[in-house]
Amino acid sequence: MGFFQIITNLTDYPIFVTAYADHAVEAFELHALDDVLKPIRTARLIKTMTGL
């Protein structure tokens, strides 16, 4: 089973952490809560986590 097949079977909303902005489109198509780019900025991660 591939990564995106696993993600589509989740019942929660995942947060993607990637090094590539082009993955954001795929992440949001899979109903991701957010897509955080590497290198992770603390303020950005806190913003994402408080949105839960």
PDB file of N, CA and C in Angstrom:
ATOM      1  N   MET A   1       0.860  -1.172   0.000  1.00  0.00           N
ATOM      2  CA  MET A   1       0.000   0.000   0.000  1.00  0.00           C
ATOM      3  C   MET A   1       0.906   1.235   0.000  1.00  0.00           C
ATOM      4  N   GLY A   2       0.614   2.186  -0.868  1.00  0.00           N
ATOM      5  CA  GLY A   2       1.416   3.393  -0.973  1.00  0.00           C
ATOM      6  C   GLY A   2       1.031   4.451   0.054  1.00  0.00           C
ATOM      7  N   PHE A   3       1.874   5.454   0.164  1.00  0.00           N
ATOM      8  CA  PHE A   3       1.670   6.531   1.139  1.00  0.00           C
ATOM      9  C   PHE A   3       0.314   7.200   0.985  1.00  0.00           C
ATOM     10  N   PHE A   4      -0.026   7.608  -0.229  1.00  0.00           N
ATOM     11  CA  PHE A   4      -1.284   8.323  -0.423  1.00  0.00           C
ATOM     12  C   PHE A   4      -2.496   7.419  -0.232  1.00  0.00           C
ATOM     13  N   GLN A   5      -2.351   6.126  -0.465  1.00  0.00           N
ATOM     14  CA  GLN A   5      -3.439   5.191  -0.177  1.00  0.00           C
ATOM     15  C   GLN A   5      -3.667   5.095   1.327  1.00  0.00           C
ATOM     16  N   ILE A   6      -2.595   5.097   2.096  1.00  0.00           N
ATOM     17  CA  ILE A   6      -2.718   5.049   3.554  1.00  0.00           C
ATOM     18  C   ILE A   6      -3.395   6.312   4.057  1.00  0.00           C
ATOM     19  N   ILE A   7      -2.960   7.467   3.565  1.00  0.00           N
ATOM     20  CA  ILE A   7      -3.508   8.747   4.003  1.00  0.00           C
ATOM     21  C   ILE A   7      -4.998   8.847   3.701  1.00  0.00           C
ATOM     22  N   THR A   8      -5.434   8.351   2.555  1.00  0.00           N
ATOM     23  CA  THR A   8      -6.851   8.453   2.205  1.00  0.00           C
ATOM     24  C   THR A   8      -7.730   7.609   3.117  1.00  0.00           C
ATOM     25  N   ASN A   9      -7.155   6.657   3.831  1.00  0.00           N
ATOM     26  CA  ASN A   9      -7.926   5.815   4.745  1.00  0.00           C
ATOM     27  C   ASN A   9      -7.965   6.351   6.173  1.00  0.00           C
ATOM     28  N   LEU A  10      -7.290   7.467   6.435  1.00  0.00           N
ATOM     29  CA  LEU A  10      -7.302   8.040   7.784  1.00  0.00           C
ATOM     30  C   LEU A  10      -8.646   8.679   8.098  1.00  0.00           C
ATOM     31  N   THR A  11      -9.021   8.632   9.354  1.00  0.00           N
ATOM     32  CA  THR A  11     -10.261   9.283   9.764  1.00  0.00           C
ATOM     33  C   THR A  11      -9.999  10.664  10.348  1.00  0.00           C
ATOM     34  N   ASP A  12      -8.745  10.927  10.729  1.00  0.00           N
ATOM     35  CA  ASP A  12      -8.369  12.248  11.241  1.00  0.00           C
ATOM     36  C   ASP A  12      -7.817  13.086  10.100  1.00  0.00           C
ATOM     37  N   TYR A  13      -7.626  14.353  10.377  1.00  0.00           N
ATOM     38  CA  TYR A  13      -7.070  15.250   9.380  1.00  0.00           C
ATOM     39  C   TYR A  13      -5.568  15.365   9.594  1.00  0.00           C
ATOM     40  N   PRO A  14      -4.773  14.874   8.645  1.00  0.00           N
ATOM     41  CA  PRO A  14      -3.322  14.891   8.828  1.00  0.00           C
ATOM     42  C   PRO A  14      -2.724  16.278   8.602  1.00  0.00           C
ATOM     43  N   ILE A  15      -1.560  16.484   9.172  1.00  0.00           N
ATOM     44  CA  ILE A  15      -0.743  17.661   8.900  1.00  0.00           C
ATOM     45  C   ILE A  15       0.470  17.154   8.147  1.00  0.00           C
ATOM     46  N   PHE A  16       0.660  17.651   6.938  1.00  0.00           N
ATOM     47  CA  PHE A  16       1.797  17.248   6.134  1.00  0.00           C
ATOM     48  C   PHE A  16       2.979  18.154   6.448  1.00  0.00           C
ATOM     49  N   VAL A  17       4.151  17.570   6.566  1.00  0.00           N
ATOM     50  CA  VAL A  17       5.389  18.325   6.741  1.00  0.00           C
ATOM     51  C   VAL A  17       6.307  17.873   5.608  1.00  0.00           C
ATOM     52  N   THR A  18       6.531  18.775   4.663  1.00  0.00           N
ATOM     53  CA  THR A  18       7.319  18.430   3.486  1.00  0.00           C
ATOM     54  C   THR A  18       8.334  19.521   3.179  1.00  0.00           C
ATOM     55  N   ALA A  19       9.257  19.189   2.310  1.00  0.00           N
ATOM     56  CA  ALA A  19      10.264  20.159   1.884  1.00  0.00           C
ATOM     57  C   ALA A  19       9.874  20.805   0.555  1.00  0.00           C
ATOM     58  N   TYR A  20       8.755  20.387  -0.008  1.00  0.00           N
ATOM     59  CA  TYR A  20       8.380  20.848  -1.346  1.00  0.00           C
ATOM     60  C   TYR A  20       6.975  21.443  -1.361  1.00  0.00           C
ATOM     61  N   ALA A  21       6.876  22.670  -1.809  1.00  0.00           N
ATOM     62  CA  ALA A  21       5.585  23.351  -1.851  1.00  0.00           C
ATOM     63  C   ALA A  21       4.614  22.674  -2.817  1.00  0.00           C
ATOM     64  N   ASP A  22       5.135  21.981  -3.835  1.00  0.00           N
ATOM     65  CA  ASP A  22       4.224  21.350  -4.804  1.00  0.00           C
ATOM     66  C   ASP A  22       3.385  20.240  -4.177  1.00  0.00           C
ATOM     67  N   HIS A  23       3.794  19.727  -3.034  1.00  0.00           N
ATOM     68  CA  HIS A  23       3.009  18.684  -2.370  1.00  0.00           C
ATOM     69  C   HIS A  23       1.788  19.247  -1.656  1.00  0.00           C
ATOM     70  N   ALA A  24       1.720  20.534  -1.498  1.00  0.00           N
ATOM     71  CA  ALA A  24       0.590  21.158  -0.797  1.00  0.00           C
ATOM     72  C   ALA A  24      -0.728  20.872  -1.509  1.00  0.00           C
ATOM     73  N   VAL A  25      -0.738  20.924  -2.815  1.00  0.00           N
ATOM     74  CA  VAL A  25      -1.967  20.660  -3.568  1.00  0.00           C
ATOM     75  C   VAL A  25      -2.465  19.257  -3.274  1.00  0.00           C
ATOM     76  N   GLU A  26      -1.576  18.282  -3.342  1.00  0.00           N
ATOM     77  CA  GLU A  26      -1.965  16.899  -3.045  1.00  0.00           C
ATOM     78  C   GLU A  26      -2.439  16.763  -1.603  1.00  0.00           C
ATOM     79  N   ALA A  27      -1.760  17.440  -0.689  1.00  0.00           N
ATOM     80  CA  ALA A  27      -2.135  17.362   0.725  1.00  0.00           C
ATOM     81  C   ALA A  27      -3.560  17.865   0.936  1.00  0.00           C
ATOM     82  N   PHE A  28      -3.884  19.003   0.355  1.00  0.00           N
ATOM     83  CA  PHE A  28      -5.217  19.547   0.564  1.00  0.00           C
ATOM     84  C   PHE A  28      -6.288  18.772  -0.191  1.00  0.00           C
ATOM     85  N   GLU A  29      -5.926  18.131  -1.274  1.00  0.00           N
ATOM     86  CA  GLU A  29      -6.866  17.233  -1.953  1.00  0.00           C
ATOM     87  C   GLU A  29      -7.213  16.046  -1.063  1.00  0.00           C
ATOM     88  N   LEU A  30      -6.289  15.696  -0.168  1.00  0.00           N
ATOM     89  CA  LEU A  30      -6.515  14.595   0.778  1.00  0.00           C
ATOM     90  C   LEU A  30      -7.079  15.095   2.104  1.00  0.00           C
ATOM     91  N   HIS A  31      -7.560  16.333   2.109  1.00  0.00           N
ATOM     92  CA  HIS A  31      -8.201  16.948   3.272  1.00  0.00           C
ATOM     93  C   HIS A  31      -7.246  17.137   4.446  1.00  0.00           C
ATOM     94  N   ALA A  32      -6.013  17.486   4.133  1.00  0.00           N
ATOM     95  CA  ALA A  32      -5.040  17.769   5.192  1.00  0.00           C
ATOM     96  C   ALA A  32      -5.450  19.018   5.948  1.00  0.00           C
ATOM     97  N   LEU A  33      -5.156  19.032   7.220  1.00  0.00           N
ATOM     98  CA  LEU A  33      -5.414  20.211   8.034  1.00  0.00           C
ATOM     99  C   LEU A  33      -4.478  21.334   7.625  1.00  0.00           C
ATOM    100  N   ASP A  34      -3.228  20.978   7.301  1.00  0.00           N
ATOM    101  CA  ASP A  34      -2.252  21.984   6.892  1.00  0.00           C
ATOM    102  C   ASP A  34      -1.079  21.295   6.208  1.00  0.00           C
ATOM    103  N   ASP A  35      -0.276  22.072   5.521  1.00  0.00           N
ATOM    104  CA  ASP A  35       0.958  21.600   4.913  1.00  0.00           C
ATOM    105  C   ASP A  35       2.056  22.551   5.359  1.00  0.00           C
ATOM    106  N   VAL A  36       2.934  22.071   6.226  1.00  0.00           N
ATOM    107  CA  VAL A  36       4.006  22.890   6.794  1.00  0.00           C
ATOM    108  C   VAL A  36       5.286  22.582   6.030  1.00  0.00           C
ATOM    109  N   LEU A  37       5.937  23.619   5.551  1.00  0.00           N
ATOM    110  CA  LEU A  37       7.162  23.438   4.784  1.00  0.00           C
ATOM    111  C   LEU A  37       8.390  23.386   5.681  1.00  0.00           C
ATOM    112  N   LYS A  38       9.350  22.547   5.282  1.00  0.00           N
ATOM    113  CA  LYS A  38      10.642  22.496   5.953  1.00  0.00           C
ATOM    114  C   LYS A  38      11.515  23.600   5.387  1.00  0.00           C
ATOM    115  N   PRO A  39      12.402  24.193   6.101  1.00  0.00           N
ATOM    116  CA  PRO A  39      12.611  24.019   7.522  1.00  0.00           C
ATOM    117  C   PRO A  39      11.437  24.589   8.308  1.00  0.00           C
ATOM    118  N   ILE A  40      11.038  23.873   9.325  1.00  0.00           N
ATOM    119  CA  ILE A  40       9.851  24.246  10.098  1.00  0.00           C
ATOM    120  C   ILE A  40      10.156  25.450  10.972  1.00  0.00           C
ATOM    121  N   ARG A  41       9.329  26.465  10.836  1.00  0.00           N
ATOM    122  CA  ARG A  41       9.422  27.632  11.727  1.00  0.00           C
ATOM    123  C   ARG A  41       8.503  27.380  12.908  1.00  0.00           C
ATOM    124  N   THR A  42       8.999  27.617  14.087  1.00  0.00           N
ATOM    125  CA  THR A  42       8.255  27.349  15.319  1.00  0.00           C
ATOM    126  C   THR A  42       6.908  28.067  15.320  1.00  0.00           C
ATOM    127  N   ALA A  43       6.893  29.330  14.941  1.00  0.00           N
ATOM    128  CA  ALA A  43       5.641  30.101  14.947  1.00  0.00           C
ATOM    129  C   ALA A  43       4.606  29.490  14.005  1.00  0.00           C
ATOM    130  N   ARG A  44       5.053  28.983  12.870  1.00  0.00           N
ATOM    131  CA  ARG A  44       4.135  28.375  11.892  1.00  0.00           C
ATOM    132  C   ARG A  44       3.560  27.076  12.437  1.00  0.00           C
ATOM    133  N   LEU A  45       4.388  26.277  13.070  1.00  0.00           N
ATOM    134  CA  LEU A  45       3.917  25.019  13.638  1.00  0.00           C
ATOM    135  C   LEU A  45       2.943  25.268  14.779  1.00  0.00           C
ATOM    136  N   ILE A  46       3.229  26.251  15.619  1.00  0.00           N
ATOM    137  CA  ILE A  46       2.321  26.594  16.720  1.00  0.00           C
ATOM    138  C   ILE A  46       0.977  27.050  16.168  1.00  0.00           C
ATOM    139  N   LYS A  47       0.990  27.848  15.115  1.00  0.00           N
ATOM    140  CA  LYS A  47      -0.262  28.297  14.480  1.00  0.00           C
ATOM    141  C   LYS A  47      -1.080  27.117  13.994  1.00  0.00           C
ATOM    142  N   THR A  48      -0.415  26.157  13.382  1.00  0.00           N
ATOM    143  CA  THR A  48      -1.091  24.954  12.902  1.00  0.00           C
ATOM    144  C   THR A  48      -1.659  24.143  14.052  1.00  0.00           C
ATOM    145  N   MET A  49      -0.866  23.928  15.067  1.00  0.00           N
ATOM    146  CA  MET A  49      -1.290  23.090  16.197  1.00  0.00           C
ATOM    147  C   MET A  49      -2.413  23.749  17.003  1.00  0.00           C
ATOM    148  N   THR A  50      -2.439  25.054  17.108  1.00  0.00           N
ATOM    149  CA  THR A  50      -3.521  25.705  17.861  1.00  0.00           C
ATOM    150  C   THR A  50      -4.820  25.706  17.060  1.00  0.00           C
ATOM    151  N   GLY A  51      -4.723  25.443  15.768  1.00  0.00           N
ATOM    152  CA  GLY A  51      -5.921  25.346  14.940  1.00  0.00           C
ATOM    153  C   GLY A  51      -6.644  24.024  15.087  1.00  0.00           C
ATOM    154  N   LEU A  52      -6.033  23.085  15.813  1.00  0.00           N
ATOM    155  CA  LEU A  52      -6.667  21.788  16.027  1.00  0.00           C
ATOM    156  C   LEU A  52      -7.798  21.971  16.976  1.00  0.00           C
TER     157      LEU A  52
END
